[in-house]
C-alpha atoms as a PDB file:
ATOM      1  CA  MET A   1      78.759 111.598 -16.518  1.00  0.00           C
ATOM      2  CA  PRO A   2      78.365 111.013 -12.750  1.00  0.00           C
ATOM      3  CA  ALA A   3      81.349 109.723 -10.827  1.00  0.00           C
ATOM      4  CA  ARG A   4      81.461 105.993 -10.183  1.00  0.00           C
ATOM      5  CA  TRP A   5      80.650 105.020  -6.604  1.00  0.00           C
ATOM      6  CA  GLU A   6      83.424 103.500  -4.528  1.00  0.00           C
ATOM      7  CA  ALA A   7      83.132 102.097  -1.017  1.00  0.00           C
ATOM      8  CA  ASP A   8      84.956 104.174   1.593  1.00  0.00           C
ATOM      9  CA  SER A   9      86.686 101.790   3.985  1.00  0.00           C
ATOM     10  CA  SER A  10      87.480 104.663   6.356  1.00  0.00           C
ATOM     11  CA  ALA A  11      83.769 105.195   7.154  1.00  0.00           C
ATOM     12  CA  SER A  12      82.706 104.258  10.690  1.00  0.00           C
ATOM     13  CA  PHE A  13      79.633 102.453  11.944  1.00  0.00           C
ATOM     14  CA  LYS A  14      77.022 105.074  12.876  1.00  0.00           C
ATOM     15  CA  ARG A  15      73.880 103.158  13.862  1.00  0.00           C
ATOM     16  CA  ARG A  16      72.194  99.817  13.480  1.00  0.00           C
ATOM     17  CA  LEU A  17      69.215  99.793  11.133  1.00  0.00           C
ATOM     18  CA  GLY A  18      66.359  97.857  12.657  1.00  0.00           C
ATOM     19  CA  LYS A  19      67.023  95.297  15.363  1.00  0.00           C
ATOM     20  CA  SER A  20      69.876  92.963  16.157  1.00  0.00           C
ATOM     21  CA  ALA A  21      69.633  89.230  15.474  1.00  0.00           C
ATOM     22  CA  ALA A  22      69.296  88.733  19.237  1.00  0.00           C
ATOM     23  CA  GLU A  23      66.358  91.164  19.449  1.00  0.00           C
ATOM     24  CA  LEU A  24      64.668  89.302  16.582  1.00  0.00           C
ATOM     25  CA  ASP A  25      65.304  85.935  18.269  1.00  0.00           C
ATOM     26  CA  MET A  26      67.333  84.767  15.268  1.00  0.00           C
ATOM     27  CA  THR A  27      70.548  83.700  16.974  1.00  0.00           C
ATOM     28  CA  ASP A  28      71.933  81.142  19.340  1.00  0.00           C
ATOM     29  CA  ASN A  29      74.245  83.858  20.708  1.00  0.00           C
ATOM     30  CA  ASN A  30      77.173  82.993  18.466  1.00  0.00           C
ATOM     31  CA  PRO A  31      79.260  85.834  17.030  1.00  0.00           C
ATOM     32  CA  SER A  32      78.307  85.268  13.379  1.00  0.00           C
ATOM     33  CA  CYS A  33      74.903  86.913  13.019  1.00  0.00           C
ATOM     34  CA  PRO A  34      73.431  88.967  10.175  1.00  0.00           C
ATOM     35  CA  ASP A  35      73.258  92.715  10.694  1.00  0.00           C
ATOM     36  CA  LEU A  36      72.469  95.967   8.875  1.00  0.00           C
ATOM     37  CA  TRP A  37      74.263  99.252   9.643  1.00  0.00           C
ATOM     38  CA  GLU A  38      74.332 102.828   8.435  1.00  0.00           C
ATOM     39  CA  LEU A  39      77.866 104.187   8.127  1.00  0.00           C
ATOM     40  CA  ASP A  40      78.806 107.748   9.035  1.00  0.00           C
ATOM     41  CA  ASN A  41      79.017 108.666   5.334  1.00  0.00           C
ATOM     42  CA  GLY A  42      75.441 107.455   4.707  1.00  0.00           C
ATOM     43  CA  ASP A  43      76.378 104.169   3.015  1.00  0.00           C
ATOM     44  CA  ILE A  44      74.934 100.893   4.288  1.00  0.00           C
ATOM     45  CA  ALA A  45      76.936  97.900   5.538  1.00  0.00           C
ATOM     46  CA  VAL A  46      75.296  94.472   5.313  1.00  0.00           C
ATOM     47  CA  ILE A  47      76.528  91.460   7.248  1.00  0.00           C
ATOM     48  CA  GLY A  48      75.010  88.244   6.008  1.00  0.00           C
ATOM     49  CA  ARG A  49      75.720  84.919   4.364  1.00  0.00           C
ATOM     50  CA  ASP A  50      78.024  85.154   1.355  1.00  0.00           C
ATOM     51  CA  LEU A  51      76.160  83.168  -1.302  1.00  0.00           C
ATOM     52  CA  THR A  52      78.068  84.550  -4.280  1.00  0.00           C
ATOM     53  CA  ALA A  53      79.150  81.125  -5.527  1.00  0.00           C
ATOM     54  CA  GLU A  54      75.687  79.632  -5.088  1.00  0.00           C
ATOM     55  CA  TYR A  55      73.932  82.390  -7.073  1.00  0.00           C
ATOM     56  CA  SER A  56      76.591  83.399  -9.611  1.00  0.00           C
ATOM     57  CA  ARG A  57      75.422  81.036 -12.366  1.00  0.00           C
ATOM     58  CA  ARG A  58      71.737  81.933 -12.044  1.00  0.00           C
ATOM     59  CA  LEU A  59      71.694  85.718 -11.859  1.00  0.00           C
ATOM     60  CA  PRO A  60      69.125  87.678 -13.878  1.00  0.00           C
ATOM     61  CA  ALA A  61      70.469  88.808 -17.269  1.00  0.00           C
ATOM     62  CA  ASP A  62      71.057  92.409 -16.146  1.00  0.00           C
ATOM     63  CA  VAL A  63      72.845  91.517 -12.877  1.00  0.00           C
ATOM     64  CA  SER A  64      76.546  90.904 -12.398  1.00  0.00           C
ATOM     65  CA  ILE A  65      78.848  90.489  -9.413  1.00  0.00           C
ATOM     66  CA  GLY A  66      82.206  92.224  -9.745  1.00  0.00           C
ATOM     67  CA  HIS A  67      85.468  90.585  -8.729  1.00  0.00           C
ATOM     68  CA  ASN A  68      85.523  92.734  -5.587  1.00  0.00           C
ATOM     69  CA  GLU A  69      81.816  92.238  -4.725  1.00  0.00           C
ATOM     70  CA  ALA A  70      79.767  89.575  -2.982  1.00  0.00           C
ATOM     71  CA  LEU A  71      76.114  88.600  -3.062  1.00  0.00           C
ATOM     72  CA  VAL A  72      75.053  88.677   0.580  1.00  0.00           C
ATOM     73  CA  VAL A  73      71.766  87.315   1.894  1.00  0.00           C
ATOM     74  CA  LEU A  74      70.143  88.421   5.131  1.00  0.00           C
ATOM     75  CA  PRO A  75      66.823  87.385   6.658  1.00  0.00           C
ATOM     76  CA  ARG A  76      63.667  89.105   5.413  1.00  0.00           C
ATOM     77  CA  LYS A  77      62.609  89.635   9.034  1.00  0.00           C
ATOM     78  CA  MET A  78      65.738  91.732   9.603  1.00  0.00           C
ATOM     79  CA  LEU A  79      65.152  94.020   6.615  1.00  0.00           C
ATOM     80  CA  ILE A  80      61.496  94.503   7.537  1.00  0.00           C
ATOM     81  CA  ALA A  81      62.555  95.476  11.065  1.00  0.00           C
ATOM     82  CA  ALA A  82      64.923  98.075   9.552  1.00  0.00           C
ATOM     83  CA  LYS A  83      62.301  99.656   7.302  1.00  0.00           C
ATOM     84  CA  GLU A  84      61.381 102.465   9.729  1.00  0.00           C
ATOM     85  CA  ASP A  85      65.087 103.410  10.078  1.00  0.00           C
ATOM     86  CA  ILE A  86      65.646 103.763   6.312  1.00  0.00           C
ATOM     87  CA  PRO A  87      64.853 107.219   4.945  1.00  0.00           C
ATOM     88  CA  ASN A  88      62.574 107.596   1.912  1.00  0.00           C
ATOM     89  CA  ALA A  89      64.983 109.950   0.188  1.00  0.00           C
END
């Protein structure tokens, strides 16, 4: 059985995937903007709106949010801009 994945909090930010909120004209230059980053261990860090409470009662049947997890939403435009930075395999 494969080992369970655990987030490594010692991993560092390696590179932004896609464009910043400022580059996508999605910010009023405040410090709380969505973002998408590759970490130096290959994992992905997502900064977005925590909507765990809003979605928790209407998740699909095969989806759950663990006690140490959050459902984070980021703009579609940001993920599309990151597509070319995300490897296929």
